[in-house]
Every structure is written in C-alpha cells, then in structure tokens.
Amino acid sequence: MTNNAAIVEISQTANQFRSSIVLQYDNKYIDVKSILGLFTTLVGGGQYELHVHGSDAAEAKKAMAEVFAKHNLSIKVVEE
C-alpha cells in the first residue's frame, strides 16, 4: 500500500513541470498531477509506465524516476 506522503510528493514533483506526465497501469491512464487519480491508482505493487511529453520532458523524466524510486515504486519510463 502506498502511503499518502508518497502520493503527495509524486504529485508535487509532477506539478513543477510543464510537460504532460501520465502514469499507465493496465488499461488506465492517470494524470500524475492529479492527487485523486494517484490515490485510486497507486494502491499496490505492479509495473507502472510513465509517459512524459513536453518541452521539459527530459528533466521531468529524471525527477519523476527519482521520486518513484525514493518511495520504492517500480516504474518504467517510456522513451518515445
């Protein structure tokens, strides 16, 4: 179970960037900037994919990978 602090930090980190940051899990796509979306999605283990598009995507990918790793959440950053 993901703790609330992790969800808040993930959302706050995502909101520092202009890029679109979307988390894919199964067939769901969640805007990582939405705390409510994260609460309903980050409920357990599993493999999540992170899709980042925009002018500051490289910086956003790095920061998001770090915050997910900090909270022991497994993500795959999709390179497109």
N, C-alpha and C. Protein backbone atom coordinates (compact mmCIF):
# COMPACT_ATOMS: atom_id res chain seq x y z
N MET A 1 0.84 -1.19 0.00
CA MET A 1 0.00 0.00 0.00
C MET A 1 0.88 1.25 0.00
N THR A 2 0.61 2.14 -0.88
CA THR A 2 1.38 3.37 -1.00
C THR A 2 0.92 4.36 0.07
N ASN A 3 1.88 5.03 0.69
CA ASN A 3 1.47 5.98 1.73
C ASN A 3 1.12 7.34 1.14
N ASN A 4 0.39 8.11 1.90
CA ASN A 4 -0.08 9.41 1.43
C ASN A 4 1.06 10.36 1.11
N ALA A 5 2.13 10.31 1.89
CA ALA A 5 3.27 11.20 1.65
C ALA A 5 3.87 10.95 0.27
N ALA A 6 3.94 9.69 -0.13
CA ALA A 6 4.48 9.36 -1.46
C ALA A 6 3.60 9.96 -2.55
N ILE A 7 2.29 9.82 -2.41
CA ILE A 7 1.37 10.34 -3.42
C ILE A 7 1.47 11.86 -3.52
N VAL A 8 1.52 12.52 -2.38
CA VAL A 8 1.63 13.99 -2.38
C VAL A 8 2.95 14.42 -3.02
N GLU A 9 4.04 13.75 -2.67
CA GLU A 9 5.34 14.14 -3.23
C GLU A 9 5.40 13.88 -4.74
N ILE A 10 4.82 12.78 -5.19
CA ILE A 10 4.80 12.49 -6.63
C ILE A 10 4.03 13.58 -7.37
N SER A 11 2.87 13.94 -6.86
CA SER A 11 2.06 14.97 -7.50
C SER A 11 2.75 16.33 -7.47
N GLN A 12 3.34 16.69 -6.34
CA GLN A 12 4.03 17.98 -6.23
C GLN A 12 5.22 18.04 -7.19
N THR A 13 5.94 16.94 -7.32
CA THR A 13 7.08 16.90 -8.24
C THR A 13 6.59 17.07 -9.68
N ALA A 14 5.54 16.36 -10.04
CA ALA A 14 4.99 16.45 -11.40
C ALA A 14 4.54 17.88 -11.72
N ASN A 15 3.96 18.55 -10.74
CA ASN A 15 3.45 19.90 -10.97
C ASN A 15 4.54 20.96 -11.14
N GLN A 16 5.80 20.58 -10.95
CA GLN A 16 6.90 21.52 -11.17
C GLN A 16 7.24 21.63 -12.65
N PHE A 17 6.65 20.78 -13.48
CA PHE A 17 7.00 20.74 -14.89
C PHE A 17 5.81 21.10 -15.76
N ARG A 18 6.12 21.64 -16.95
CA ARG A 18 5.07 21.99 -17.91
C ARG A 18 4.63 20.76 -18.71
N SER A 19 5.50 19.76 -18.80
CA SER A 19 5.21 18.58 -19.60
C SER A 19 3.98 17.83 -19.08
N SER A 20 3.36 17.10 -19.99
CA SER A 20 2.29 16.18 -19.63
C SER A 20 2.95 14.93 -19.04
N ILE A 21 2.52 14.52 -17.87
CA ILE A 21 3.08 13.35 -17.20
C ILE A 21 1.93 12.41 -16.87
N VAL A 22 1.92 11.25 -17.52
CA VAL A 22 0.81 10.30 -17.40
C VAL A 22 1.34 8.95 -16.95
N LEU A 23 0.66 8.37 -15.99
CA LEU A 23 1.01 7.05 -15.47
C LEU A 23 0.05 6.04 -16.07
N GLN A 24 0.62 4.97 -16.66
CA GLN A 24 -0.21 3.91 -17.22
C GLN A 24 -0.10 2.68 -16.35
N TYR A 25 -1.26 2.12 -16.00
CA TYR A 25 -1.32 0.88 -15.24
C TYR A 25 -2.48 0.08 -15.80
N ASP A 26 -2.20 -1.12 -16.27
CA ASP A 26 -3.19 -1.91 -17.01
C ASP A 26 -3.70 -1.05 -18.16
N ASN A 27 -4.98 -0.83 -18.23
CA ASN A 27 -5.53 -0.01 -19.30
C ASN A 27 -5.97 1.37 -18.80
N LYS A 28 -5.42 1.78 -17.67
CA LYS A 28 -5.76 3.09 -17.11
C LYS A 28 -4.64 4.08 -17.38
N TYR A 29 -5.02 5.31 -17.66
CA TYR A 29 -4.06 6.39 -17.84
C TYR A 29 -4.42 7.48 -16.84
N ILE A 30 -3.48 7.80 -15.97
CA ILE A 30 -3.74 8.74 -14.88
C ILE A 30 -2.80 9.93 -15.00
N ASP A 31 -3.36 11.15 -14.93
CA ASP A 31 -2.54 12.36 -14.89
C ASP A 31 -1.85 12.39 -13.53
N VAL A 32 -0.52 12.35 -13.55
CA VAL A 32 0.24 12.28 -12.30
C VAL A 32 0.11 13.57 -11.48
N LYS A 33 -0.32 14.64 -12.12
CA LYS A 33 -0.51 15.90 -11.40
C LYS A 33 -1.78 15.89 -10.56
N SER A 34 -2.59 14.85 -10.74
CA SER A 34 -3.86 14.72 -10.01
C SER A 34 -3.68 13.81 -8.80
N ILE A 35 -3.76 14.39 -7.61
CA ILE A 35 -3.62 13.60 -6.39
C ILE A 35 -4.72 12.55 -6.31
N LEU A 36 -5.94 12.91 -6.66
CA LEU A 36 -7.05 11.96 -6.60
C LEU A 36 -6.79 10.77 -7.53
N GLY A 37 -6.31 11.04 -8.73
CA GLY A 37 -6.00 9.97 -9.67
C GLY A 37 -4.95 9.03 -9.12
N LEU A 38 -3.95 9.59 -8.45
CA LEU A 38 -2.90 8.75 -7.86
C LEU A 38 -3.45 7.90 -6.73
N PHE A 39 -4.31 8.46 -5.90
CA PHE A 39 -4.89 7.70 -4.79
C PHE A 39 -5.64 6.48 -5.29
N THR A 40 -6.31 6.60 -6.43
CA THR A 40 -7.09 5.48 -6.94
C THR A 40 -6.25 4.49 -7.73
N THR A 41 -5.02 4.86 -8.10
CA THR A 41 -4.19 4.00 -8.95
C THR A 41 -3.04 3.35 -8.20
N LEU A 42 -2.35 4.10 -7.36
CA LEU A 42 -1.17 3.57 -6.67
C LEU A 42 -1.59 2.83 -5.40
N VAL A 43 -2.26 1.72 -5.59
CA VAL A 43 -2.80 1.01 -4.43
C VAL A 43 -2.03 -0.26 -4.11
N GLY A 44 -1.09 -0.62 -4.92
CA GLY A 44 -0.35 -1.84 -4.62
C GLY A 44 0.86 -1.96 -5.50
N GLY A 45 1.39 -3.15 -5.55
CA GLY A 45 2.55 -3.39 -6.39
C GLY A 45 2.17 -3.40 -7.85
N GLY A 46 3.11 -3.80 -8.66
CA GLY A 46 2.82 -3.87 -10.08
C GLY A 46 3.75 -2.98 -10.87
N GLN A 47 3.69 -3.13 -12.16
CA GLN A 47 4.55 -2.35 -13.04
C GLN A 47 3.76 -1.19 -13.63
N TYR A 48 4.25 -0.01 -13.41
CA TYR A 48 3.64 1.19 -13.95
C TYR A 48 4.53 1.73 -15.06
N GLU A 49 3.91 2.34 -16.06
CA GLU A 49 4.67 3.01 -17.12
C GLU A 49 4.40 4.50 -17.03
N LEU A 50 5.47 5.28 -17.19
CA LEU A 50 5.36 6.73 -17.12
C LEU A 50 5.60 7.31 -18.50
N HIS A 51 4.63 8.07 -18.99
CA HIS A 51 4.73 8.72 -20.30
C HIS A 51 4.87 10.22 -20.06
N VAL A 52 5.92 10.81 -20.60
CA VAL A 52 6.18 12.24 -20.39
C VAL A 52 6.36 12.90 -21.75
N HIS A 53 5.60 13.97 -22.00
CA HIS A 53 5.68 14.70 -23.27
C HIS A 53 5.70 16.19 -22.97
N GLY A 54 6.62 16.91 -23.60
CA GLY A 54 6.64 18.36 -23.44
C GLY A 54 8.02 18.94 -23.52
N SER A 55 8.10 20.24 -23.35
CA SER A 55 9.35 20.97 -23.53
C SER A 55 10.39 20.65 -22.48
N ASP A 56 9.96 20.25 -21.30
CA ASP A 56 10.94 19.93 -20.23
C ASP A 56 10.86 18.44 -19.87
N ALA A 57 10.58 17.60 -20.87
CA ALA A 57 10.36 16.16 -20.63
C ALA A 57 11.59 15.47 -20.05
N ALA A 58 12.77 15.81 -20.53
CA ALA A 58 13.98 15.13 -20.04
C ALA A 58 14.16 15.36 -18.54
N GLU A 59 14.00 16.61 -18.10
CA GLU A 59 14.12 16.92 -16.68
C GLU A 59 13.01 16.27 -15.87
N ALA A 60 11.80 16.27 -16.42
CA ALA A 60 10.65 15.69 -15.73
C ALA A 60 10.84 14.18 -15.56
N LYS A 61 11.32 13.50 -16.59
CA LYS A 61 11.54 12.05 -16.50
C LYS A 61 12.52 11.72 -15.39
N LYS A 62 13.61 12.48 -15.33
CA LYS A 62 14.64 12.24 -14.32
C LYS A 62 14.07 12.45 -12.91
N ALA A 63 13.38 13.57 -12.71
CA ALA A 63 12.83 13.88 -11.39
C ALA A 63 11.77 12.87 -10.97
N MET A 64 10.92 12.47 -11.90
CA MET A 64 9.86 11.52 -11.57
C MET A 64 10.44 10.15 -11.25
N ALA A 65 11.45 9.72 -12.01
CA ALA A 65 12.08 8.43 -11.73
C ALA A 65 12.68 8.44 -10.33
N GLU A 66 13.29 9.55 -9.95
CA GLU A 66 13.90 9.65 -8.62
C GLU A 66 12.85 9.59 -7.51
N VAL A 67 11.74 10.29 -7.66
CA VAL A 67 10.73 10.32 -6.59
C VAL A 67 10.01 8.96 -6.48
N PHE A 68 9.78 8.29 -7.61
CA PHE A 68 9.19 6.95 -7.54
C PHE A 68 10.15 5.99 -6.86
N ALA A 69 11.43 6.06 -7.21
CA ALA A 69 12.43 5.16 -6.61
C ALA A 69 12.55 5.41 -5.11
N LYS A 70 12.49 6.68 -4.72
CA LYS A 70 12.59 7.04 -3.30
C LYS A 70 11.52 6.33 -2.47
N HIS A 71 10.36 6.13 -3.08
CA HIS A 71 9.24 5.51 -2.37
C HIS A 71 9.07 4.03 -2.75
N ASN A 72 10.12 3.46 -3.34
CA ASN A 72 10.13 2.03 -3.71
C ASN A 72 8.97 1.64 -4.62
N LEU A 73 8.65 2.49 -5.55
CA LEU A 73 7.61 2.20 -6.53
C LEU A 73 8.28 1.92 -7.86
N SER A 74 7.93 0.81 -8.46
CA SER A 74 8.55 0.39 -9.71
C SER A 74 7.83 1.06 -10.89
N ILE A 75 8.60 1.81 -11.68
CA ILE A 75 8.05 2.40 -12.89
C ILE A 75 9.00 2.18 -14.05
N LYS A 76 8.45 2.17 -15.23
CA LYS A 76 9.24 2.13 -16.45
C LYS A 76 8.97 3.45 -17.16
N VAL A 77 10.02 4.23 -17.37
CA VAL A 77 9.85 5.49 -18.10
C VAL A 77 9.88 5.15 -19.58
N VAL A 78 8.79 5.43 -20.28
CA VAL A 78 8.67 5.08 -21.67
C VAL A 78 9.38 6.14 -22.52
N GLU A 79 10.31 5.66 -23.33
CA GLU A 79 11.03 6.55 -24.24
C GLU A 79 10.32 6.51 -25.59
N GLU A 80 9.86 7.66 -26.05
CA GLU A 80 9.12 7.67 -27.32
C GLU A 80 9.77 8.55 -28.33
